Amino acid sequence: MPSFIHTADLHLGRPFRKLGRLGEQIRQAQLQTLKNIVDAVRETRSDFLVIAGDLFDSNAVSLDMARYVLDCFASLAPVPVYILPGNHDVLDSASIYHTITRLGRLPSNVTVLVEAAQEVTPCPGVAVFAAACTAKQGGDRPLRRLMSLASQSDAKYKLAVVHASVDVPGLSIDPLESLVSREDIESCPFHYIAMGHWHSRQVWSQGSIQALYPGTPETLGFGETPSPGTVTLVSLGDTLRIQEIPVGVYKWVKLTLDLSLMPDLDAVIQRVMQEAGDKTLLRLEFEGSLTGEADWAHDLDISRLEEEIARHFFYVEIDASRVAFHEPDPGEFAPNSVGRAFCEIMAERIAGTQDSAEKQLLEEALRRGVLYLSGKAVIRP
């Protein structure tokens, strides 16, 4: 039975500016992941490869980058490779795909899906219908553009390739998004819809029609799952079989710890170290209310903690902005004491300001001052 690999959102050439000098290593990992995808096509003996948008992070990628990518795909010949332009590498007048084609760089086994509604036949009995992103415009419904074309096909297996968001009621979506609704999926004539644009693996199948986002093959940020990334192997038959194949290099972990539930700093470090690895990026988020038994955390030095655990990871960032502290209580201090006077002066200043930013700053100063004057240390950023 025919089979193919579905991936999307490689975003090759992304700058990763937040990572500084480490960003170059992630960019190199993206290229390694591309090689891993090509290897996966070979090892699974897949009949073709589909990239459902955003192969490149922008149309400003270098020609050297484009040549490298196309050489990787050319090594798969005669296995077809189908590339759908997405919203980052959109098929506008400045498209990298126009440049590649004009220079005659496109390998014989690589097809860029450039039409608003297009049909290709990768192997006998299989038809692929694709809707390219030709402009960044809101309200576009790419799956609907393909339905009439697909209804004319007598292929045994019909596949759609789109780069769009699912139109979910109540979900905030950029007005420039292309959209696919659940009703579109449920009523379409396709056996499988290869989707791209959302960076975590998500299944949006409706009834017998399989539809999914494979997620980024090389993770691009915290919160994307799975991490390290995978591609999706789809085996066609009376029953479609779907399998995830690991291809990613780096693991991005977002770990949230409630400090009010941690007995001490050693417990925090012990939990963090469960995620350690030289190919792991960690975002550590602290939350909780620091009262009672959690008073130990008032003495937590974030910079020192970050320095201590950073050597066990590729990258670490820590966010303590969601930690809630007990409200300053002037009653903690005796009348006519420095502490009581400080609280009263700060309370007057807070009540007298109309500037929200200044008020937030004064409230933080009050909290820290009360902690200091009562003999407690303060979480230091």
Protein backbone atom coordinates (compact mmCIF):
# COMPACT_ATOMS: atom_id res chain seq x y z
CA MET A 1 0.00 0.00 0.00
CA PRO A 2 1.21 3.56 -0.68
CA SER A 3 2.73 5.55 2.15
CA PHE A 4 4.13 9.04 2.57
CA ILE A 5 5.70 11.31 5.16
CA HIS A 6 3.91 14.50 6.15
CA THR A 7 5.79 17.37 7.78
CA ALA A 8 5.46 21.15 7.97
CA ASP A 9 6.84 24.30 9.58
CA LEU A 10 10.56 23.64 9.49
CA HIS A 11 11.15 27.42 9.34
CA LEU A 12 14.70 26.97 8.08
CA GLY A 13 16.78 30.10 8.59
CA ARG A 14 14.90 31.36 11.66
CA PRO A 15 17.19 33.80 13.53
CA PHE A 16 16.41 32.71 17.14
CA ARG A 17 17.59 36.13 18.31
CA LYS A 18 16.55 35.53 21.92
CA LEU A 19 19.12 32.74 22.16
CA GLY A 20 22.00 34.99 21.12
CA ARG A 21 25.08 33.07 20.00
CA LEU A 22 23.31 29.78 20.75
CA GLY A 23 20.87 30.49 17.93
CA GLU A 24 23.39 29.36 15.32
CA GLN A 25 23.53 25.91 16.90
CA ILE A 26 19.75 25.63 16.67
CA ARG A 27 19.90 26.68 13.01
CA GLN A 28 22.45 23.93 12.38
CA ALA A 29 20.17 21.50 14.21
CA GLN A 30 17.36 22.45 11.82
CA LEU A 31 19.54 21.37 8.90
CA GLN A 32 20.36 18.11 10.68
CA THR A 33 16.65 17.56 11.19
CA LEU A 34 16.11 18.09 7.47
CA LYS A 35 18.63 15.31 6.84
CA ASN A 36 16.83 13.16 9.39
CA ILE A 37 13.56 13.67 7.50
CA VAL A 38 15.20 12.60 4.23
CA ASP A 39 16.63 9.54 6.01
CA ALA A 40 13.17 8.73 7.38
CA VAL A 41 11.72 8.78 3.86
CA ARG A 42 14.37 6.30 2.76
CA GLU A 43 14.15 4.03 5.80
CA THR A 44 10.35 3.78 5.66
CA ARG A 45 10.43 3.37 1.87
CA SER A 46 7.80 6.08 1.60
CA ASP A 47 6.41 6.82 -1.85
CA PHE A 48 6.62 10.60 -1.44
CA LEU A 49 7.24 13.49 0.98
CA VAL A 50 4.80 16.36 1.66
CA ILE A 51 5.82 19.64 3.32
CA ALA A 52 2.65 21.54 4.26
CA GLY A 53 4.03 25.09 4.33
CA ASP A 54 6.78 27.20 5.90
CA LEU A 55 9.77 25.16 4.80
CA PHE A 56 11.62 28.47 5.12
CA ASP A 57 11.16 31.07 7.86
CA SER A 58 10.96 33.84 5.28
CA ASN A 59 11.56 34.60 1.62
CA ALA A 60 14.78 36.36 2.63
CA VAL A 61 16.75 33.13 3.13
CA SER A 62 20.05 32.94 1.30
CA LEU A 63 20.48 31.11 -1.99
CA ASP A 64 23.13 28.98 -0.29
CA MET A 65 20.51 27.83 2.21
CA ALA A 66 18.03 27.12 -0.59
CA ARG A 67 20.64 25.16 -2.57
CA TYR A 68 21.51 23.06 0.46
CA VAL A 69 17.86 22.20 1.06
CA LEU A 70 17.21 21.32 -2.56
CA ASP A 71 20.33 19.15 -2.70
CA CYS A 72 18.97 17.20 0.27
CA PHE A 73 15.68 16.65 -1.54
CA ALA A 74 17.45 15.78 -4.81
CA SER A 75 19.19 12.91 -2.99
CA LEU A 76 15.76 11.26 -2.65
CA ALA A 77 15.21 11.02 -6.42
CA PRO A 78 13.14 9.54 -7.91
CA VAL A 79 10.93 9.84 -4.79
CA PRO A 80 8.71 12.92 -5.28
CA VAL A 81 8.94 15.83 -2.84
CA TYR A 82 6.04 18.29 -2.69
CA ILE A 83 6.55 21.73 -1.13
CA LEU A 84 3.59 23.96 -0.30
CA PRO A 85 4.39 27.67 0.24
CA GLY A 86 3.10 28.81 3.63
CA ASN A 87 2.48 32.19 5.20
CA HIS A 88 6.18 32.73 6.04
CA ASP A 89 7.55 31.66 2.65
CA VAL A 90 4.42 32.98 0.92
CA LEU A 91 4.24 32.73 -2.86
CA ASP A 92 4.27 36.48 -3.55
CA SER A 93 6.42 38.43 -6.01
CA ALA A 94 9.46 38.15 -3.70
CA SER A 95 9.08 34.40 -3.15
CA ILE A 96 12.23 32.33 -2.77
CA TYR A 97 10.47 29.71 -4.89
CA HIS A 98 10.28 32.10 -7.85
CA THR A 99 14.02 32.75 -7.47
CA ILE A 100 14.84 29.04 -7.32
CA THR A 101 12.76 28.30 -10.41
CA ARG A 102 14.18 31.24 -12.36
CA LEU A 103 17.74 30.07 -11.67
CA GLY A 104 16.90 26.54 -12.77
CA ARG A 105 17.76 25.09 -9.36
CA LEU A 106 14.67 22.94 -8.84
CA PRO A 107 15.53 19.20 -8.86
CA SER A 108 13.47 16.97 -11.15
CA ASN A 109 11.82 15.15 -8.23
CA VAL A 110 10.80 18.36 -6.40
CA THR A 111 7.51 20.12 -7.10
CA VAL A 112 6.58 23.46 -5.57
CA LEU A 113 2.80 23.57 -5.31
CA VAL A 114 2.19 27.05 -6.69
CA GLU A 115 -1.45 27.03 -7.75
CA ALA A 116 -4.46 28.24 -5.77
CA ALA A 117 -5.91 24.77 -6.45
CA GLN A 118 -3.63 22.10 -7.89
CA GLU A 119 -3.62 18.33 -8.41
CA VAL A 120 -0.53 16.10 -8.62
CA THR A 121 -0.20 12.33 -8.84
CA PRO A 122 2.78 11.01 -6.85
CA CYS A 123 2.04 7.32 -7.45
CA PRO A 124 -0.73 5.16 -8.98
CA GLY A 125 -4.07 5.51 -7.24
CA VAL A 126 -3.05 8.57 -5.19
CA ALA A 127 -3.98 12.18 -5.96
CA VAL A 128 -2.69 15.12 -3.93
CA PHE A 129 -4.65 18.39 -4.00
CA ALA A 130 -2.87 21.51 -2.75
CA ALA A 131 -3.79 25.13 -2.09
CA ALA A 132 -0.75 27.41 -2.03
CA CYS A 133 -0.53 30.55 0.12
CA THR A 134 -0.22 33.20 -2.57
CA ALA A 135 -0.86 36.19 -0.30
CA LYS A 136 -1.30 37.02 3.37
CA GLN A 137 -5.01 37.71 3.43
CA GLY A 138 -7.68 37.12 5.99
CA GLY A 139 -10.63 34.80 5.63
CA ASP A 140 -9.17 32.57 2.92
CA ARG A 141 -10.66 29.05 2.95
CA PRO A 142 -8.08 26.88 1.14
CA LEU A 143 -9.79 23.53 1.72
CA ARG A 144 -12.97 24.76 0.05
CA ARG A 145 -10.95 25.77 -3.03
CA LEU A 146 -9.90 22.15 -3.45
CA MET A 147 -13.25 20.40 -3.04
CA SER A 148 -14.63 20.89 -6.56
CA LEU A 149 -11.32 19.86 -8.12
CA ALA A 150 -11.15 16.73 -5.97
CA SER A 151 -14.74 15.75 -6.75
CA GLN A 152 -13.72 15.31 -10.40
CA SER A 153 -10.96 12.83 -9.55
CA ASP A 154 -11.42 9.07 -9.58
CA ALA A 155 -8.24 8.40 -7.57
CA LYS A 156 -8.55 5.71 -4.93
CA TYR A 157 -6.90 7.91 -2.32
CA LYS A 158 -7.39 11.68 -2.22
CA LEU A 159 -5.14 13.83 -0.05
CA ALA A 160 -5.32 17.56 0.63
CA VAL A 161 -2.43 19.83 1.62
CA VAL A 162 -3.24 23.18 3.27
CA HIS A 163 -1.50 25.73 5.47
CA ALA A 164 -4.15 27.24 7.72
CA SER A 165 -5.63 27.53 11.22
CA VAL A 166 -8.71 25.65 12.36
CA ASP A 167 -11.60 28.05 12.80
CA VAL A 168 -12.53 27.34 16.41
CA PRO A 169 -15.30 29.49 17.96
CA GLY A 170 -13.89 31.66 20.73
CA LEU A 171 -10.25 31.13 19.68
CA SER A 172 -8.38 34.36 19.02
CA ILE A 173 -6.92 34.15 15.51
CA ASP A 174 -4.88 36.68 13.54
CA PRO A 175 -7.18 38.38 10.99
CA LEU A 176 -4.67 37.48 8.25
CA GLU A 177 -5.04 33.74 8.90
CA SER A 178 -6.28 31.27 6.32
CA LEU A 179 -8.95 29.09 7.90
CA VAL A 180 -10.33 25.56 7.85
CA SER A 181 -13.51 24.72 9.75
CA ARG A 182 -14.53 21.42 11.29
CA GLU A 183 -17.48 21.44 8.90
CA ASP A 184 -15.07 21.80 5.97
CA ILE A 185 -13.18 18.73 7.15
CA GLU A 186 -16.31 16.70 7.80
CA SER A 187 -17.85 17.41 4.38
CA CYS A 188 -14.73 17.19 2.20
CA PRO A 189 -13.99 14.32 -0.24
CA PHE A 190 -10.48 13.65 1.10
CA HIS A 191 -9.13 10.62 2.93
CA TYR A 192 -6.38 12.61 4.64
CA ILE A 193 -5.68 16.34 5.12
CA ALA A 194 -2.01 17.23 5.59
CA MET A 195 -2.11 20.46 7.55
CA GLY A 196 0.55 22.98 8.45
CA HIS A 197 0.81 26.24 10.42
CA TRP A 198 0.21 25.18 14.05
CA HIS A 199 3.47 24.13 15.65
CA SER A 200 2.25 21.38 17.99
CA ARG A 201 0.98 18.02 16.86
CA GLN A 202 -2.82 18.16 16.81
CA VAL A 203 -5.42 15.82 15.38
CA TRP A 204 -8.54 17.41 13.86
CA SER A 205 -10.08 14.35 12.24
CA GLN A 206 -13.83 14.39 11.69
CA GLY A 207 -15.57 11.05 11.22
CA SER A 208 -13.60 8.90 8.78
CA ILE A 209 -11.59 11.85 7.45
CA GLN A 210 -8.13 12.08 8.99
CA ALA A 211 -6.70 15.59 9.46
CA LEU A 212 -3.70 16.61 11.53
CA TYR A 213 -0.89 19.01 12.15
CA PRO A 214 2.39 17.09 12.53
CA GLY A 215 4.04 19.79 14.66
CA THR A 216 7.46 21.26 14.02
CA PRO A 217 10.07 18.59 13.21
CA GLU A 218 12.71 20.68 14.99
CA THR A 219 11.10 22.49 17.91
CA LEU A 220 11.06 26.27 17.55
CA GLY A 221 9.90 27.39 20.99
CA PHE A 222 8.65 26.50 24.45
CA GLY A 223 5.22 24.92 24.57
CA GLU A 224 5.46 23.13 21.24
CA THR A 225 4.83 19.40 21.43
CA PRO A 226 6.15 16.83 20.96
CA SER A 227 9.71 17.89 21.66
CA PRO A 228 12.07 16.77 20.21
CA GLY A 229 9.97 16.99 17.06
CA THR A 230 8.56 14.26 14.85
CA VAL A 231 7.19 13.73 11.36
CA THR A 232 4.08 11.74 10.49
CA LEU A 233 4.20 8.55 8.43
CA VAL A 234 0.85 7.90 6.76
CA SER A 235 0.15 4.45 5.32
CA LEU A 236 -2.83 4.33 2.98
CA GLY A 237 -5.16 1.34 2.82
CA ASP A 238 -8.62 0.24 3.85
CA THR A 239 -7.66 1.78 7.19
CA LEU A 240 -5.21 4.68 7.31
CA ARG A 241 -2.32 4.02 9.67
CA ILE A 242 -0.53 6.98 11.24
CA GLN A 243 2.82 6.79 13.00
CA GLU A 244 5.10 9.42 14.54
CA ILE A 245 8.78 9.19 13.66
CA PRO A 246 11.32 11.11 15.80
CA VAL A 247 13.58 13.43 13.79
CA GLY A 248 14.28 16.44 16.05
CA VAL A 249 17.57 17.23 17.79
CA TYR A 250 16.77 19.62 20.65
CA LYS A 251 14.19 19.26 23.42
CA TRP A 252 12.39 22.38 24.66
CA VAL A 253 10.91 22.00 28.15
CA LYS A 254 8.57 24.42 29.94
CA LEU A 255 8.50 23.47 33.63
CA THR A 256 6.16 25.20 36.11
CA LEU A 257 6.84 24.84 39.84
CA ASP A 258 4.61 26.08 42.65
CA LEU A 259 7.06 27.35 45.25
CA SER A 260 4.43 27.13 47.99
CA LEU A 261 4.48 23.34 47.53
CA MET A 262 8.26 22.96 47.56
CA PRO A 263 9.86 22.32 50.96
CA ASP A 264 13.20 23.93 50.11
CA LEU A 265 15.61 24.92 47.38
CA ASP A 266 17.11 21.43 47.19
CA ALA A 267 13.70 20.07 46.20
CA VAL A 268 13.47 22.67 43.42
CA ILE A 269 16.90 21.75 42.07
CA GLN A 270 16.17 18.03 42.31
CA ARG A 271 13.01 18.44 40.22
CA VAL A 272 14.74 20.66 37.67
CA MET A 273 17.59 18.19 37.25
CA GLN A 274 15.15 15.53 36.10
CA GLU A 275 14.97 17.49 32.82
CA ALA A 276 18.74 18.05 32.44
CA GLY A 277 20.50 17.39 29.14
CA ASP A 278 23.02 19.05 26.85
CA LYS A 279 20.39 19.17 24.09
CA THR A 280 17.64 20.56 26.37
CA LEU A 281 16.37 24.14 26.52
CA LEU A 282 14.54 24.90 29.78
CA ARG A 283 12.05 27.60 30.65
CA LEU A 284 11.46 27.42 34.40
CA GLU A 285 8.34 29.23 35.61
CA PHE A 286 7.73 29.81 39.31
CA GLU A 287 4.29 30.42 40.76
CA GLY A 288 2.54 30.09 44.12
CA SER A 289 1.98 32.20 47.20
CA LEU A 290 4.98 32.71 49.47
CA THR A 291 3.46 32.55 52.92
CA GLY A 292 3.89 30.30 55.92
CA GLU A 293 6.17 27.33 55.20
CA ALA A 294 7.26 28.77 51.86
CA ASP A 295 9.07 31.70 53.48
CA TRP A 296 12.37 29.99 52.55
CA ALA A 297 11.78 31.12 48.98
CA HIS A 298 12.01 34.80 49.91
CA ASP A 299 15.75 34.23 49.99
CA LEU A 300 15.85 32.75 46.48
CA ASP A 301 18.42 34.38 44.20
CA ILE A 302 17.13 33.79 40.66
CA SER A 303 20.40 34.76 38.97
CA ARG A 304 22.41 32.43 41.18
CA LEU A 305 19.96 29.57 40.66
CA GLU A 306 20.05 30.09 36.90
CA GLU A 307 23.85 30.07 36.98
CA GLU A 308 23.90 26.88 39.05
CA ILE A 309 21.62 24.84 36.80
CA ALA A 310 22.65 26.33 33.43
CA ARG A 311 25.72 24.08 33.11
CA HIS A 312 23.40 21.06 32.98
CA PHE A 313 21.35 22.41 30.05
CA PHE A 314 21.89 23.88 26.60
CA TYR A 315 19.90 26.98 27.60
CA VAL A 316 17.98 28.14 30.68
CA GLU A 317 15.58 31.00 31.40
CA ILE A 318 13.65 31.57 34.63
CA ASP A 319 10.45 33.55 35.14
CA ALA A 320 9.30 34.36 38.69
CA SER A 321 6.76 37.02 37.70
CA ARG A 322 3.78 34.86 38.72
CA VAL A 323 4.90 34.35 42.31
CA ALA A 324 2.39 35.91 44.72
CA PHE A 325 3.68 37.39 47.96
CA HIS A 326 1.73 37.99 51.14
CA GLU A 327 0.29 41.49 51.30
CA PRO A 328 2.40 43.97 53.27
CA ASP A 329 0.90 44.48 56.74
CA PRO A 330 1.84 47.65 58.63
CA GLY A 331 0.59 45.84 61.74
CA GLU A 332 3.79 43.76 61.66
CA PHE A 333 5.59 46.83 62.97
CA ALA A 334 5.28 48.63 66.28
CA PRO A 335 3.71 52.14 66.32
CA ASN A 336 6.23 54.94 65.67
CA SER A 337 8.73 52.41 64.25
CA VAL A 338 10.66 52.88 61.04
CA GLY A 339 8.72 49.97 59.51
CA ARG A 340 5.32 51.47 60.34
CA ALA A 341 6.36 54.90 59.03
CA PHE A 342 7.66 53.36 55.79
CA CYS A 343 4.38 51.52 55.21
CA GLU A 344 2.30 54.64 55.84
CA ILE A 345 4.39 56.82 53.52
CA MET A 346 4.30 54.25 50.73
CA ALA A 347 0.55 53.73 51.14
CA GLU A 348 0.03 57.50 50.72
CA ARG A 349 2.14 57.56 47.56
CA ILE A 350 0.31 54.56 46.09
CA ALA A 351 -3.08 56.14 46.80
CA GLY A 352 -1.95 59.45 45.28
CA THR A 353 -0.74 58.22 41.88
CA GLN A 354 -2.90 57.85 38.80
CA ASP A 355 -0.14 56.26 36.73
CA SER A 356 -0.59 52.47 36.58
CA ALA A 357 3.10 51.79 35.90
CA GLU A 358 4.18 54.00 38.82
CA LYS A 359 1.59 52.35 41.07
CA GLN A 360 2.90 48.89 40.20
CA LEU A 361 6.46 50.02 40.93
CA LEU A 362 5.48 51.55 44.29
CA GLU A 363 3.56 48.42 45.32
CA GLU A 364 6.60 46.28 44.53
CA ALA A 365 8.82 48.67 46.52
CA LEU A 366 6.42 48.42 49.48
CA ARG A 367 6.43 44.62 49.36
CA ARG A 368 10.21 44.41 49.17
CA GLY A 369 10.65 47.04 51.85
CA VAL A 370 8.38 45.21 54.29
CA LEU A 371 10.26 41.96 53.68
CA TYR A 372 13.59 43.69 54.26
CA LEU A 373 12.50 45.57 57.38
CA SER A 374 10.98 42.40 58.85
CA GLY A 375 14.28 40.56 58.45
CA LYS A 376 13.42 38.49 55.38
CA ALA A 377 15.38 38.44 52.16
CA VAL A 378 13.81 39.09 48.80
CA ILE A 379 13.65 37.02 45.60
CA ARG A 380 16.28 38.63 43.42
CA PRO A 381 15.92 38.66 39.61
